C-alpha atoms as a PDB file:
ATOM      1  CA  MET A   1      -5.839  -3.686  -5.743  1.00  0.00           C
ATOM      2  CA  ALA A   2      -6.960  -0.267  -6.578  1.00  0.00           C
ATOM      3  CA  VAL A   3      -3.593   0.167  -8.236  1.00  0.00           C
ATOM      4  CA  VAL A   4      -1.708  -0.615 -11.591  1.00  0.00           C
ATOM      5  CA  LEU A   5       1.936  -1.932 -11.538  1.00  0.00           C
ATOM      6  CA  ILE A   6       3.136   0.018 -14.766  1.00  0.00           C
ATOM      7  CA  GLY A   7       6.830  -0.497 -14.753  1.00  0.00           C
ATOM      8  CA  GLU A   8       9.430   1.757 -14.891  1.00  0.00           C
ATOM      9  CA  LEU A   9       8.225   5.245 -15.414  1.00  0.00           C
ATOM     10  CA  ARG A  10      10.492   7.018 -17.525  1.00  0.00           C
ATOM     11  CA  GLU A  11      10.200  10.486 -19.860  1.00  0.00           C
ATOM     12  CA  ASP A  12       8.457   8.874 -22.682  1.00  0.00           C
ATOM     13  CA  ASN A  13       5.215   7.994 -22.594  1.00  0.00           C
ATOM     14  CA  LYS A  14       3.377   5.004 -21.094  1.00  0.00           C
ATOM     15  CA  GLN A  15      -0.285   4.119 -21.380  1.00  0.00           C
ATOM     16  CA  VAL A  16      -2.188   3.560 -18.362  1.00  0.00           C
ATOM     17  CA  HIS A  17      -6.406   2.390 -18.144  1.00  0.00           C
ATOM     18  CA  ARG A  18      -8.443   3.953 -15.859  1.00  0.00           C
ATOM     19  CA  ARG A  19     -10.518   2.534 -13.495  1.00  0.00           C
ATOM     20  CA  GLN A  20     -14.238   2.013 -14.028  1.00  0.00           C
ATOM     21  CA  GLN A  21     -14.864   2.142 -10.608  1.00  0.00           C
ATOM     22  CA  ASP A  22     -13.814   3.569  -7.337  1.00  0.00           C
ATOM     23  CA  ASN A  23     -12.012   1.287  -5.162  1.00  0.00           C
ATOM     24  CA  LEU A  24      -9.314   3.768  -3.329  1.00  0.00           C
ATOM     25  CA  LEU A  25      -9.895   4.433   0.529  1.00  0.00           C
ATOM     26  CA  ALA A  26     -10.354   7.880   1.697  1.00  0.00           C
ATOM     27  CA  HIS A  27      -6.968   8.474   3.178  1.00  0.00           C
ATOM     28  CA  VAL A  28      -5.714   7.620  -0.519  1.00  0.00           C
ATOM     29  CA  LYS A  29      -7.378   9.731  -2.229  1.00  0.00           C
ATOM     30  CA  VAL A  30      -7.609  13.000   0.522  1.00  0.00           C
ATOM     31  CA  ASP A  31      -9.125  15.535  -2.421  1.00  0.00           C
ATOM     32  CA  ALA A  32      -9.040  13.173  -4.889  1.00  0.00           C
ATOM     33  CA  TYR A  33     -12.733  12.261  -6.326  1.00  0.00           C
ATOM     34  CA  PHE A  34     -13.969   9.887  -8.546  1.00  0.00           C
ATOM     35  CA  GLU A  35     -16.288  10.178 -11.582  1.00  0.00           C
ATOM     36  CA  ASN A  36     -18.502   7.917 -13.306  1.00  0.00           C
ATOM     37  CA  HIS A  37     -19.264   8.742 -17.052  1.00  0.00           C
ATOM     38  CA  ARG A  38     -21.478   5.753 -17.679  1.00  0.00           C
ATOM     39  CA  HIS A  39     -21.885   6.959 -21.394  1.00  0.00           C
ATOM     40  CA  ARG A  40     -17.987   8.198 -21.756  1.00  0.00           C
ATOM     41  CA  ASN A  41     -15.791   5.115 -19.870  1.00  0.00           C
ATOM     42  CA  SER A  42     -12.534   6.852 -21.449  1.00  0.00           C
ATOM     43  CA  GLU A  43     -13.501  10.023 -19.101  1.00  0.00           C
ATOM     44  CA  THR A  44     -14.501   7.565 -15.918  1.00  0.00           C
ATOM     45  CA  GLY A  45     -11.720   7.593 -13.060  1.00  0.00           C
ATOM     46  CA  TYR A  46     -10.016   9.938 -10.852  1.00  0.00           C
ATOM     47  CA  TYR A  47      -9.607  13.347 -10.872  1.00  0.00           C
ATOM     48  CA  ILE A  48      -8.419  16.322  -8.533  1.00  0.00           C
ATOM     49  CA  ASN A  49      -9.364  20.113  -8.873  1.00  0.00           C
ATOM     50  CA  PHE A  50      -6.466  22.531  -9.198  1.00  0.00           C
ATOM     51  CA  ARG A  51      -6.133  25.962  -9.416  1.00  0.00           C
ATOM     52  CA  LYS A  52      -9.699  26.021 -10.959  1.00  0.00           C
ATOM     53  CA  ASN A  53      -8.228  22.812 -13.196  1.00  0.00           C
ATOM     54  CA  HIS A  54     -10.148  19.784 -13.403  1.00  0.00           C
ATOM     55  CA  ILE A  55      -6.964  17.430 -13.608  1.00  0.00           C
ATOM     56  CA  PRO A  56      -7.660  13.700 -14.762  1.00  0.00           C
ATOM     57  CA  ILE A  57      -4.884  11.577 -12.483  1.00  0.00           C
ATOM     58  CA  LYS A  58      -4.139   7.827 -11.108  1.00  0.00           C
ATOM     59  CA  PHE A  59      -2.766   6.309  -8.240  1.00  0.00           C
ATOM     60  CA  VAL A  60      -0.075   4.015  -9.590  1.00  0.00           C
ATOM     61  CA  GLN A  61       2.728   1.816  -8.335  1.00  0.00           C
ATOM     62  CA  VAL A  62       5.539   1.715 -10.065  1.00  0.00           C
ATOM     63  CA  ASP A  63       8.678  -0.699  -9.196  1.00  0.00           C
ATOM     64  CA  ASP A  64       8.446  -0.488  -5.386  1.00  0.00           C
ATOM     65  CA  THR A  65       6.861   2.727  -5.142  1.00  0.00           C
ATOM     66  CA  TYR A  66       3.200   3.991  -5.224  1.00  0.00           C
ATOM     67  CA  LEU A  67       2.262   7.271  -6.778  1.00  0.00           C
ATOM     68  CA  TRP A  68      -0.073  10.251  -8.211  1.00  0.00           C
ATOM     69  CA  VAL A  69       0.479  10.750 -11.901  1.00  0.00           C
ATOM     70  CA  GLN A  70      -1.369  13.253 -13.707  1.00  0.00           C
ATOM     71  CA  ILE A  71      -2.924  11.595 -17.290  1.00  0.00           C
ATOM     72  CA  HIS A  72      -3.392  13.360 -20.275  1.00  0.00           C
ATOM     73  CA  TRP A  73      -5.671  11.386 -23.158  1.00  0.00           C
ATOM     74  CA  HIS A  74      -3.301  11.451 -26.643  1.00  0.00           C
ATOM     75  CA  ASN A  75      -4.455   9.333 -29.352  1.00  0.00           C
ATOM     76  CA  ASN A  76      -7.689   7.543 -28.364  1.00  0.00           C
ATOM     77  CA  SER A  77      -5.647   6.593 -24.977  1.00  0.00           C
ATOM     78  CA  TRP A  78      -4.417   8.001 -21.341  1.00  0.00           C
ATOM     79  CA  ILE A  79      -0.695   8.255 -21.155  1.00  0.00           C
ATOM     80  CA  THR A  80       1.369   9.659 -18.477  1.00  0.00           C
ATOM     81  CA  ASN A  81       5.701  10.265 -18.345  1.00  0.00           C
ATOM     82  CA  GLN A  82       8.104  10.866 -15.349  1.00  0.00           C
ATOM     83  CA  GLY A  83       6.958  14.541 -15.409  1.00  0.00           C
ATOM     84  CA  ALA A  84       3.372  13.953 -14.637  1.00  0.00           C
ATOM     85  CA  VAL A  85       4.249  12.802 -11.307  1.00  0.00           C
ATOM     86  CA  ILE A  86       2.584  15.200  -8.549  1.00  0.00           C
ATOM     87  CA  ARG A  87       4.710  15.170  -5.670  1.00  0.00           C
ATOM     88  CA  ASN A  88       4.716  16.510  -2.448  1.00  0.00           C
ATOM     89  CA  ASN A  89       0.655  17.336  -2.814  1.00  0.00           C
ATOM     90  CA  SER A  90      -0.727  17.520   0.797  1.00  0.00           C
ATOM     91  CA  HIS A  91      -4.457  17.416  -1.141  1.00  0.00           C
ATOM     92  CA  LEU A  92      -3.530  13.700  -2.133  1.00  0.00           C
ATOM     93  CA  GLY A  93      -2.910  10.467   0.376  1.00  0.00           C
ATOM     94  CA  TRP A  94      -1.068   7.381   0.656  1.00  0.00           C
ATOM     95  CA  TRP A  95      -1.614   3.996   2.343  1.00  0.00           C
ATOM     96  CA  ASN A  96      -1.185   3.824   5.725  1.00  0.00           C
ATOM     97  CA  GLU A  97       0.851   1.347   7.225  1.00  0.00           C
ATOM     98  CA  SER A  98      -2.161  -1.184   8.287  1.00  0.00           C
ATOM     99  CA  ASP A  99      -3.060  -1.505   4.379  1.00  0.00           C
ATOM    100  CA  PRO A 100      -2.354  -4.662   3.463  1.00  0.00           C
ATOM    101  CA  GLN A 101      -1.228  -2.655  -0.074  1.00  0.00           C
ATOM    102  CA  HIS A 102       1.557  -0.463   1.744  1.00  0.00           C
ATOM    103  CA  PRO A 103       5.134  -1.655   1.336  1.00  0.00           C
ATOM    104  CA  ASP A 104       6.065  -2.042   4.762  1.00  0.00           C
ATOM    105  CA  HIS A 105       2.939  -3.563   5.675  1.00  0.00           C
ATOM    106  CA  VAL A 106       3.006  -6.399   8.488  1.00  0.00           C
ATOM    107  CA  SER A 107       0.040  -8.490   9.209  1.00  0.00           C
ATOM    108  CA  ALA A 108      -1.732  -7.873  12.109  1.00  0.00           C
ATOM    109  CA  GLU A 109      -1.744 -11.419  13.003  1.00  0.00           C
ATOM    110  CA  HIS A 110       2.336 -10.923  13.132  1.00  0.00           C
ATOM    111  CA  PHE A 111       1.681  -9.028  16.410  1.00  0.00           C
ATOM    112  CA  ILE A 112      -1.170 -11.485  17.959  1.00  0.00           C
ATOM    113  CA  PRO A 113       0.174 -12.814  21.380  1.00  0.00           C
ATOM    114  CA  THR A 114       0.483 -16.671  21.885  1.00  0.00           C
ATOM    115  CA  LEU A 115      -0.093 -18.516  24.593  1.00  0.00           C
ATOM    116  CA  HIS A 116       2.866 -20.397  25.808  1.00  0.00           C
ATOM    117  CA  THR A 117       2.619 -23.154  28.501  1.00  0.00           C
ATOM    118  CA  ALA A 118       5.144 -24.131  30.818  1.00  0.00           C
ATOM    119  CA  VAL A 119       6.302 -27.174  30.804  1.00  0.00           C
ATOM    120  CA  GLU A 120       7.644 -27.852  34.457  1.00  0.00           C
ATOM    121  CA  GLN A 121      10.603 -30.126  34.914  1.00  0.00           C
ATOM    122  CA  PRO A 122      11.326 -32.127  37.828  1.00  0.00           C
ATOM    123  CA  GLU A 123      13.504 -29.996  40.788  1.00  0.00           C
ATOM    124  CA  GLU A 124      17.153 -31.364  40.872  1.00  0.00           C
ATOM    125  CA  GLU A 125      19.220 -30.889  44.372  1.00  0.00           C
ATOM    126  CA  ILE A 126      22.493 -29.390  43.844  1.00  0.00           C
ATOM    127  CA  LEU A 127      24.847 -29.426  46.797  1.00  0.00           C
ATOM    128  CA  ALA A 128      27.726 -26.743  45.860  1.00  0.00           C
ATOM    129  CA  GLY A 129      30.781 -28.581  46.365  1.00  0.00           C
ATOM    130  CA  GLY A 130      29.368 -31.400  47.372  1.00  0.00           C
ATOM    131  CA  VAL A 131      28.216 -35.230  46.342  1.00  0.00           C
ATOM    132  CA  VAL A 132      24.831 -36.015  45.804  1.00  0.00           C
ATOM    133  CA  LEU A 133      24.567 -39.374  47.760  1.00  0.00           C
ATOM    134  CA  PRO A 134      22.077 -42.337  46.930  1.00  0.00           C
ATOM    135  CA  GLN A 135      19.729 -42.570  50.057  1.00  0.00           C
ATOM    136  CA  LEU A 136      19.495 -46.069  51.127  1.00  0.00           C
ATOM    137  CA  GLY A 137      16.975 -47.835  51.730  1.00  0.00           C
END
């Protein structure tokens, strides 16, 4: 899975770890891009350019919600907080409903029609308002 569960995101800083490989789908990234800094692993991860700034970001799961957050390098670790949530940005995507990671995902096999066979029942003769008499032989 390409996201990390960080628990409740509050105003205080929460440490996050950056991914070391590009594992998000294109429609989730949109304009976000992955940089691999082999000799500086701490700088490997996702970025977005915004107003000529090269901004480090991360796609995280907070409880049942997935969010893009800006991250900051502080005391030799990456951190984020509630104020760093990137909201309503058309340059960053989210899960499609067909993705298993989407919170409302329903697998395709749920919708696969199944073959039902009809079981034939013997016909009964019913007389309206009458009595069915046994046949005399």
